[in-house]
Amino acid sequence: MQTLLHDIELFTQEEIDVVNELLGVYLHQADQKDYHFFGHVDEQGALVSFICFGPTPMTENTFDLYWIGTHPQVRGQGLAVKLIEHMKQSMISVKAKLIRVETSSKELYASTQAFYDRLNFIEAARIKDFYHDGDDLITYIMRVE
């Protein structure tokens, strides 16, 4: 996991630390239900994509997509789409109906925004200058049926 996280050029060290914190909860607290991790490995057994999601606290039927990432060498092969589909199936099995995901408005994240647009996520909110001046928080949602 560490190799993949460091190979994904969009992730800052602070973001990697947060992923590791959630992964630690997932791996070491067997009874937790807050975070779910799934991924794909290549022929050599190396992790090349992952997703982390879970139920949104204090809601009914809503899940947060916390993290999703693919290794630069396997982008465009549909792995992230498969991870989203897996998340949706997991949600349907517990009668969840809404996915929420947040991202930055920076140009660096244009491909991330386009990915959510292609999958029919809807931009539900935008908070101007949330992260810092010129960097808005974009909240996308998707209804799951």
N, C-alpha and C. Protein backbone atom coordinates (compact mmCIF):
# COMPACT_ATOMS: atom_id res chain seq x y z
N MET A 1 0.83 -1.19 0.00
CA MET A 1 0.00 0.00 0.00
C MET A 1 0.87 1.26 0.00
N GLN A 2 1.95 1.23 0.75
CA GLN A 2 2.79 2.43 0.83
C GLN A 2 3.39 2.80 -0.51
N THR A 3 3.82 1.81 -1.27
CA THR A 3 4.39 2.09 -2.59
C THR A 3 3.35 2.75 -3.48
N LEU A 4 2.14 2.20 -3.50
CA LEU A 4 1.08 2.78 -4.31
C LEU A 4 0.78 4.21 -3.88
N LEU A 5 0.63 4.44 -2.60
CA LEU A 5 0.31 5.79 -2.12
C LEU A 5 1.36 6.80 -2.55
N HIS A 6 2.62 6.42 -2.48
CA HIS A 6 3.69 7.35 -2.86
C HIS A 6 3.81 7.51 -4.38
N ASP A 7 3.35 6.51 -5.13
CA ASP A 7 3.40 6.61 -6.59
C ASP A 7 2.25 7.43 -7.17
N ILE A 8 1.19 7.64 -6.40
CA ILE A 8 0.07 8.46 -6.86
C ILE A 8 0.45 9.92 -6.64
N GLU A 9 0.71 10.61 -7.74
CA GLU A 9 1.29 11.96 -7.67
C GLU A 9 0.38 12.99 -7.03
N LEU A 10 -0.90 12.74 -6.96
CA LEU A 10 -1.83 13.71 -6.38
C LEU A 10 -1.81 13.71 -4.86
N PHE A 11 -1.37 12.63 -4.24
CA PHE A 11 -1.44 12.52 -2.79
C PHE A 11 -0.27 13.25 -2.13
N THR A 12 -0.60 14.15 -1.21
CA THR A 12 0.42 14.81 -0.40
C THR A 12 0.78 13.89 0.76
N GLN A 13 1.86 14.20 1.45
CA GLN A 13 2.24 13.39 2.61
C GLN A 13 1.16 13.43 3.68
N GLU A 14 0.54 14.58 3.85
CA GLU A 14 -0.54 14.70 4.83
C GLU A 14 -1.71 13.77 4.46
N GLU A 15 -2.05 13.70 3.19
CA GLU A 15 -3.12 12.82 2.74
C GLU A 15 -2.73 11.35 2.92
N ILE A 16 -1.50 11.02 2.61
CA ILE A 16 -1.01 9.65 2.82
C ILE A 16 -1.11 9.28 4.29
N ASP A 17 -0.78 10.21 5.17
CA ASP A 17 -0.89 9.95 6.61
C ASP A 17 -2.33 9.65 7.01
N VAL A 18 -3.28 10.37 6.43
CA VAL A 18 -4.69 10.13 6.75
C VAL A 18 -5.13 8.76 6.23
N VAL A 19 -4.75 8.42 5.00
CA VAL A 19 -5.07 7.09 4.47
C VAL A 19 -4.51 6.01 5.40
N ASN A 20 -3.27 6.19 5.83
CA ASN A 20 -2.66 5.21 6.72
C ASN A 20 -3.38 5.11 8.05
N GLU A 21 -3.86 6.23 8.55
CA GLU A 21 -4.62 6.22 9.80
C GLU A 21 -5.91 5.40 9.63
N LEU A 22 -6.64 5.63 8.55
CA LEU A 22 -7.87 4.88 8.31
C LEU A 22 -7.57 3.41 8.06
N LEU A 23 -6.49 3.13 7.33
CA LEU A 23 -6.09 1.75 7.09
C LEU A 23 -5.76 1.05 8.40
N GLY A 24 -5.10 1.75 9.31
CA GLY A 24 -4.79 1.18 10.61
C GLY A 24 -6.04 0.79 11.37
N VAL A 25 -7.05 1.65 11.34
CA VAL A 25 -8.33 1.33 11.98
C VAL A 25 -8.93 0.09 11.33
N TYR A 26 -8.94 0.06 10.01
CA TYR A 26 -9.51 -1.06 9.26
C TYR A 26 -8.81 -2.38 9.60
N LEU A 27 -7.49 -2.35 9.67
CA LEU A 27 -6.72 -3.58 9.89
C LEU A 27 -6.67 -4.03 11.34
N HIS A 28 -6.73 -3.10 12.29
CA HIS A 28 -6.45 -3.45 13.68
C HIS A 28 -7.66 -3.38 14.61
N GLN A 29 -8.80 -2.97 14.10
CA GLN A 29 -10.01 -2.95 14.92
C GLN A 29 -11.05 -3.82 14.21
N ALA A 30 -11.01 -5.09 14.53
CA ALA A 30 -11.80 -6.08 13.79
C ALA A 30 -13.30 -5.79 13.81
N ASP A 31 -13.79 -5.14 14.86
CA ASP A 31 -15.23 -4.90 14.96
C ASP A 31 -15.67 -3.57 14.36
N GLN A 32 -14.74 -2.81 13.80
CA GLN A 32 -15.12 -1.51 13.24
C GLN A 32 -15.92 -1.69 11.95
N LYS A 33 -16.81 -0.74 11.70
CA LYS A 33 -17.62 -0.78 10.48
C LYS A 33 -17.56 0.56 9.74
N ASP A 34 -16.63 1.42 10.14
CA ASP A 34 -16.56 2.77 9.58
C ASP A 34 -15.84 2.84 8.24
N TYR A 35 -14.87 1.97 8.02
CA TYR A 35 -14.03 2.06 6.82
C TYR A 35 -13.94 0.71 6.13
N HIS A 36 -14.09 0.74 4.81
CA HIS A 36 -13.95 -0.46 3.99
C HIS A 36 -12.88 -0.17 2.95
N PHE A 37 -11.94 -1.08 2.80
CA PHE A 37 -10.87 -0.95 1.80
C PHE A 37 -10.96 -2.12 0.83
N PHE A 38 -10.80 -1.82 -0.44
CA PHE A 38 -10.70 -2.84 -1.48
C PHE A 38 -9.68 -2.36 -2.50
N GLY A 39 -9.14 -3.30 -3.27
CA GLY A 39 -8.16 -2.91 -4.28
C GLY A 39 -7.94 -3.99 -5.31
N HIS A 40 -7.05 -3.67 -6.24
CA HIS A 40 -6.64 -4.61 -7.28
C HIS A 40 -5.13 -4.81 -7.20
N VAL A 41 -4.69 -6.03 -7.48
CA VAL A 41 -3.26 -6.30 -7.57
C VAL A 41 -2.93 -6.72 -8.99
N ASP A 42 -1.68 -6.48 -9.39
CA ASP A 42 -1.25 -6.88 -10.73
C ASP A 42 -0.72 -8.31 -10.70
N GLU A 43 -0.18 -8.77 -11.83
CA GLU A 43 0.29 -10.15 -11.95
C GLU A 43 1.42 -10.47 -10.97
N GLN A 44 2.17 -9.45 -10.57
CA GLN A 44 3.27 -9.66 -9.62
C GLN A 44 2.81 -9.55 -8.16
N GLY A 45 1.53 -9.27 -7.96
CA GLY A 45 1.00 -9.16 -6.60
C GLY A 45 1.10 -7.77 -6.01
N ALA A 46 1.48 -6.78 -6.81
CA ALA A 46 1.58 -5.41 -6.31
C ALA A 46 0.22 -4.73 -6.36
N LEU A 47 -0.11 -4.01 -5.31
CA LEU A 47 -1.36 -3.26 -5.28
C LEU A 47 -1.28 -2.12 -6.29
N VAL A 48 -2.28 -2.02 -7.18
CA VAL A 48 -2.26 -0.99 -8.22
C VAL A 48 -3.46 -0.05 -8.14
N SER A 49 -4.44 -0.37 -7.30
CA SER A 49 -5.56 0.54 -7.11
C SER A 49 -6.21 0.23 -5.77
N PHE A 50 -6.89 1.23 -5.21
CA PHE A 50 -7.59 1.00 -3.95
C PHE A 50 -8.73 2.00 -3.81
N ILE A 51 -9.65 1.64 -2.93
CA ILE A 51 -10.75 2.52 -2.57
C ILE A 51 -10.98 2.38 -1.07
N CYS A 52 -11.34 3.48 -0.44
CA CYS A 52 -11.74 3.48 0.96
C CYS A 52 -13.06 4.24 1.05
N PHE A 53 -14.04 3.60 1.65
CA PHE A 53 -15.35 4.22 1.81
C PHE A 53 -16.00 3.72 3.08
N GLY A 54 -17.07 4.37 3.48
CA GLY A 54 -17.79 3.92 4.66
C GLY A 54 -19.02 4.75 4.91
N PRO A 55 -19.86 4.28 5.83
CA PRO A 55 -21.07 5.01 6.15
C PRO A 55 -20.74 6.38 6.74
N THR A 56 -21.51 7.37 6.32
CA THR A 56 -21.32 8.73 6.82
C THR A 56 -21.91 8.81 8.22
N PRO A 57 -21.11 9.24 9.21
CA PRO A 57 -21.63 9.32 10.58
C PRO A 57 -22.89 10.19 10.65
N MET A 58 -23.80 9.78 11.51
CA MET A 58 -25.04 10.50 11.82
C MET A 58 -25.98 10.65 10.63
N THR A 59 -25.91 9.71 9.68
CA THR A 59 -26.83 9.71 8.55
C THR A 59 -27.45 8.33 8.42
N GLU A 60 -28.53 8.28 7.66
CA GLU A 60 -29.11 7.00 7.27
C GLU A 60 -28.91 6.85 5.78
N ASN A 61 -28.37 5.75 5.37
CA ASN A 61 -28.29 5.40 3.94
C ASN A 61 -27.29 6.21 3.13
N THR A 62 -26.35 6.88 3.75
CA THR A 62 -25.35 7.67 3.03
C THR A 62 -23.96 7.13 3.32
N PHE A 63 -23.13 7.07 2.28
CA PHE A 63 -21.75 6.64 2.41
C PHE A 63 -20.83 7.73 1.89
N ASP A 64 -19.67 7.84 2.51
CA ASP A 64 -18.61 8.72 2.01
C ASP A 64 -17.60 7.89 1.24
N LEU A 65 -17.20 8.39 0.10
CA LEU A 65 -16.05 7.86 -0.63
C LEU A 65 -14.87 8.67 -0.14
N TYR A 66 -14.05 8.07 0.73
CA TYR A 66 -12.95 8.79 1.35
C TYR A 66 -11.74 8.91 0.42
N TRP A 67 -11.36 7.80 -0.20
CA TRP A 67 -10.15 7.78 -1.03
C TRP A 67 -10.32 6.80 -2.17
N ILE A 68 -9.81 7.17 -3.31
CA ILE A 68 -9.72 6.24 -4.43
C ILE A 68 -8.46 6.62 -5.19
N GLY A 69 -7.71 5.63 -5.62
CA GLY A 69 -6.49 5.93 -6.36
C GLY A 69 -6.04 4.75 -7.20
N THR A 70 -5.40 5.09 -8.32
CA THR A 70 -4.82 4.07 -9.19
C THR A 70 -3.40 4.46 -9.52
N HIS A 71 -2.58 3.46 -9.68
CA HIS A 71 -1.19 3.70 -10.07
C HIS A 71 -1.19 4.35 -11.45
N PRO A 72 -0.31 5.33 -11.68
CA PRO A 72 -0.28 6.01 -12.98
C PRO A 72 -0.13 5.06 -14.17
N GLN A 73 0.55 3.94 -13.99
CA GLN A 73 0.78 3.02 -15.11
C GLN A 73 -0.44 2.20 -15.50
N VAL A 74 -1.48 2.19 -14.66
CA VAL A 74 -2.68 1.41 -14.99
C VAL A 74 -3.92 2.28 -15.17
N ARG A 75 -3.74 3.57 -15.16
CA ARG A 75 -4.90 4.46 -15.36
C ARG A 75 -5.48 4.25 -16.74
N GLY A 76 -6.79 4.40 -16.83
CA GLY A 76 -7.47 4.22 -18.11
C GLY A 76 -7.87 2.79 -18.39
N GLN A 77 -7.59 1.88 -17.46
CA GLN A 77 -7.93 0.47 -17.66
C GLN A 77 -9.24 0.07 -16.97
N GLY A 78 -9.93 1.04 -16.39
CA GLY A 78 -11.23 0.77 -15.78
C GLY A 78 -11.19 0.29 -14.35
N LEU A 79 -10.02 0.27 -13.72
CA LEU A 79 -9.94 -0.23 -12.35
C LEU A 79 -10.71 0.64 -11.37
N ALA A 80 -10.61 1.95 -11.51
CA ALA A 80 -11.32 2.85 -10.60
C ALA A 80 -12.83 2.71 -10.77
N VAL A 81 -13.27 2.54 -12.00
CA VAL A 81 -14.71 2.33 -12.24
C VAL A 81 -15.16 1.04 -11.57
N LYS A 82 -14.36 -0.02 -11.67
CA LYS A 82 -14.70 -1.29 -11.01
C LYS A 82 -14.77 -1.12 -9.49
N LEU A 83 -13.87 -0.31 -8.94
CA LEU A 83 -13.90 -0.07 -7.49
C LEU A 83 -15.17 0.68 -7.09
N ILE A 84 -15.56 1.66 -7.88
CA ILE A 84 -16.81 2.39 -7.61
C ILE A 84 -18.00 1.42 -7.69
N GLU A 85 -18.00 0.56 -8.69
CA GLU A 85 -19.09 -0.42 -8.82
C GLU A 85 -19.12 -1.36 -7.63
N HIS A 86 -17.95 -1.78 -7.15
CA HIS A 86 -17.90 -2.63 -5.96
C HIS A 86 -18.47 -1.89 -4.76
N MET A 87 -18.11 -0.63 -4.60
CA MET A 87 -18.64 0.17 -3.51
C MET A 87 -20.16 0.25 -3.60
N LYS A 88 -20.67 0.50 -4.79
CA LYS A 88 -22.12 0.61 -4.97
C LYS A 88 -22.82 -0.69 -4.60
N GLN A 89 -22.25 -1.83 -5.01
CA GLN A 89 -22.85 -3.12 -4.66
C GLN A 89 -22.82 -3.34 -3.14
N SER A 90 -21.74 -2.95 -2.50
CA SER A 90 -21.66 -3.06 -1.04
C SER A 90 -22.72 -2.20 -0.37
N MET A 91 -22.95 -1.02 -0.94
CA MET A 91 -23.97 -0.12 -0.39
C MET A 91 -25.37 -0.67 -0.58
N ILE A 92 -25.64 -1.21 -1.75
CA ILE A 92 -26.96 -1.77 -2.03
C ILE A 92 -27.28 -2.89 -1.05
N SER A 93 -26.26 -3.67 -0.70
CA SER A 93 -26.48 -4.80 0.21
C SER A 93 -26.89 -4.36 1.61
N VAL A 94 -26.62 -3.09 1.97
CA VAL A 94 -27.04 -2.57 3.28
C VAL A 94 -28.08 -1.46 3.12
N LYS A 95 -28.68 -1.39 1.93
CA LYS A 95 -29.76 -0.44 1.64
C LYS A 95 -29.32 1.02 1.67
N ALA A 96 -28.06 1.29 1.45
CA ALA A 96 -27.58 2.67 1.36
C ALA A 96 -27.95 3.24 0.00
N LYS A 97 -28.13 4.56 -0.06
CA LYS A 97 -28.67 5.16 -1.28
C LYS A 97 -27.89 6.34 -1.83
N LEU A 98 -26.96 6.88 -1.08
CA LEU A 98 -26.29 8.10 -1.52
C LEU A 98 -24.79 8.02 -1.25
N ILE A 99 -24.00 8.38 -2.26
CA ILE A 99 -22.54 8.49 -2.12
C ILE A 99 -22.20 9.97 -2.10
N ARG A 100 -21.31 10.34 -1.20
CA ARG A 100 -20.79 11.70 -1.16
C ARG A 100 -19.27 11.62 -1.27
N VAL A 101 -18.70 12.51 -2.10
CA VAL A 101 -17.25 12.57 -2.24
C VAL A 101 -16.85 14.03 -2.39
N GLU A 102 -15.71 14.37 -1.83
CA GLU A 102 -15.21 15.74 -1.90
C GLU A 102 -13.88 15.77 -2.63
N THR A 103 -13.64 16.86 -3.36
CA THR A 103 -12.36 17.05 -4.02
C THR A 103 -12.06 18.54 -4.13
N SER A 104 -10.88 18.82 -4.58
CA SER A 104 -10.39 20.19 -4.76
C SER A 104 -10.75 20.70 -6.15
N SER A 105 -10.87 22.02 -6.26
CA SER A 105 -11.15 22.64 -7.56
C SER A 105 -9.87 22.97 -8.32
N LYS A 106 -8.71 22.71 -7.73
CA LYS A 106 -7.45 23.04 -8.40
C LYS A 106 -7.33 22.32 -9.73
N GLU A 107 -6.66 22.96 -10.68
CA GLU A 107 -6.46 22.38 -12.01
C GLU A 107 -5.79 21.01 -11.92
N LEU A 108 -4.96 20.82 -10.93
CA LEU A 108 -4.29 19.53 -10.72
C LEU A 108 -5.31 18.39 -10.61
N TYR A 109 -6.52 18.70 -10.13
CA TYR A 109 -7.56 17.69 -9.92
C TYR A 109 -8.59 17.66 -11.04
N ALA A 110 -8.29 18.27 -12.18
CA ALA A 110 -9.24 18.28 -13.30
C ALA A 110 -9.59 16.87 -13.75
N SER A 111 -8.62 15.96 -13.76
CA SER A 111 -8.91 14.58 -14.18
C SER A 111 -9.80 13.88 -13.15
N THR A 112 -9.64 14.21 -11.88
CA THR A 112 -10.50 13.65 -10.84
C THR A 112 -11.92 14.14 -11.03
N GLN A 113 -12.07 15.43 -11.26
CA GLN A 113 -13.40 16.00 -11.49
C GLN A 113 -14.04 15.38 -12.73
N ALA A 114 -13.27 15.22 -13.79
CA ALA A 114 -13.80 14.62 -15.03
C ALA A 114 -14.22 13.16 -14.79
N PHE A 115 -13.47 12.45 -13.97
CA PHE A 115 -13.82 11.06 -13.63
C PHE A 115 -15.19 11.01 -12.97
N TYR A 116 -15.42 11.86 -11.97
CA TYR A 116 -16.72 11.87 -11.30
C TYR A 116 -17.83 12.28 -12.27
N ASP A 117 -17.55 13.24 -13.13
CA ASP A 117 -18.54 13.66 -14.13
C ASP A 117 -18.90 12.50 -15.06
N ARG A 118 -17.90 11.76 -15.53
CA ARG A 118 -18.14 10.62 -16.43
C ARG A 118 -19.02 9.55 -15.78
N LEU A 119 -18.88 9.41 -14.47
CA LEU A 119 -19.66 8.39 -13.76
C LEU A 119 -21.02 8.90 -13.29
N ASN A 120 -21.37 10.09 -13.74
CA ASN A 120 -22.67 10.70 -13.41
C ASN A 120 -22.82 11.12 -11.96
N PHE A 121 -21.71 11.43 -11.30
CA PHE A 121 -21.81 12.12 -10.02
C PHE A 121 -22.30 13.53 -10.34
N ILE A 122 -23.01 14.12 -9.41
CA ILE A 122 -23.54 15.48 -9.58
C ILE A 122 -22.83 16.40 -8.61
N GLU A 123 -22.37 17.55 -9.11
CA GLU A 123 -21.79 18.55 -8.22
C GLU A 123 -22.92 19.14 -7.38
N ALA A 124 -22.92 18.84 -6.09
CA ALA A 124 -24.00 19.26 -5.20
C ALA A 124 -23.68 20.54 -4.46
N ALA A 125 -22.40 20.83 -4.27
CA ALA A 125 -22.02 22.03 -3.52
C ALA A 125 -20.60 22.41 -3.86
N ARG A 126 -20.34 23.69 -3.68
CA ARG A 126 -18.99 24.22 -3.87
C ARG A 126 -18.79 25.32 -2.84
N ILE A 127 -17.74 25.18 -2.06
CA ILE A 127 -17.41 26.19 -1.07
C ILE A 127 -16.15 26.91 -1.55
N LYS A 128 -16.32 28.16 -1.89
CA LYS A 128 -15.24 28.96 -2.45
C LYS A 128 -14.11 29.14 -1.43
N ASP A 129 -12.89 28.99 -1.91
CA ASP A 129 -11.68 29.24 -1.11
C ASP A 129 -11.63 28.38 0.16
N PHE A 130 -12.20 27.20 0.12
CA PHE A 130 -12.27 26.33 1.30
C PHE A 130 -10.88 25.89 1.77
N TYR A 131 -10.09 25.35 0.86
CA TYR A 131 -8.76 24.86 1.23
C TYR A 131 -7.78 26.00 1.40
N HIS A 132 -7.84 26.95 0.48
CA HIS A 132 -7.09 28.21 0.54
C HIS A 132 -7.59 29.08 -0.60
N ASP A 133 -7.15 30.30 -0.68
CA ASP A 133 -7.62 31.21 -1.73
C ASP A 133 -7.44 30.56 -3.10
N GLY A 134 -8.53 30.52 -3.85
CA GLY A 134 -8.48 29.95 -5.19
C GLY A 134 -8.66 28.45 -5.26
N ASP A 135 -8.87 27.80 -4.13
CA ASP A 135 -9.03 26.34 -4.10
C ASP A 135 -10.33 25.99 -3.38
N ASP A 136 -11.36 25.77 -4.18
CA ASP A 136 -12.68 25.47 -3.65
C ASP A 136 -12.80 24.00 -3.26
N LEU A 137 -13.70 23.73 -2.33
CA LEU A 137 -14.12 22.37 -2.02
C LEU A 137 -15.32 22.05 -2.91
N ILE A 138 -15.23 20.97 -3.68
CA ILE A 138 -16.35 20.52 -4.51
C ILE A 138 -16.89 19.24 -3.89
N THR A 139 -18.19 19.23 -3.64
CA THR A 139 -18.86 18.03 -3.13
C THR A 139 -19.72 17.45 -4.24
N TYR A 140 -19.45 16.19 -4.55
CA TYR A 140 -20.23 15.45 -5.54
C TYR A 140 -21.09 14.43 -4.82
N ILE A 141 -22.25 14.13 -5.42
CA ILE A 141 -23.10 13.06 -4.89
C ILE A 141 -23.53 12.15 -6.04
N MET A 142 -23.89 10.95 -5.66
CA MET A 142 -24.48 10.00 -6.61
C MET A 142 -25.54 9.20 -5.86
N ARG A 143 -26.69 9.08 -6.46
CA ARG A 143 -27.74 8.21 -5.92
C ARG A 143 -27.48 6.79 -6.40
N VAL A 144 -27.62 5.85 -5.49
CA VAL A 144 -27.37 4.44 -5.80
C VAL A 144 -28.71 3.72 -5.80
N GLU A 145 -28.96 2.99 -6.87
CA GLU A 145 -30.22 2.25 -6.97
C GLU A 145 -29.98 0.83 -7.39
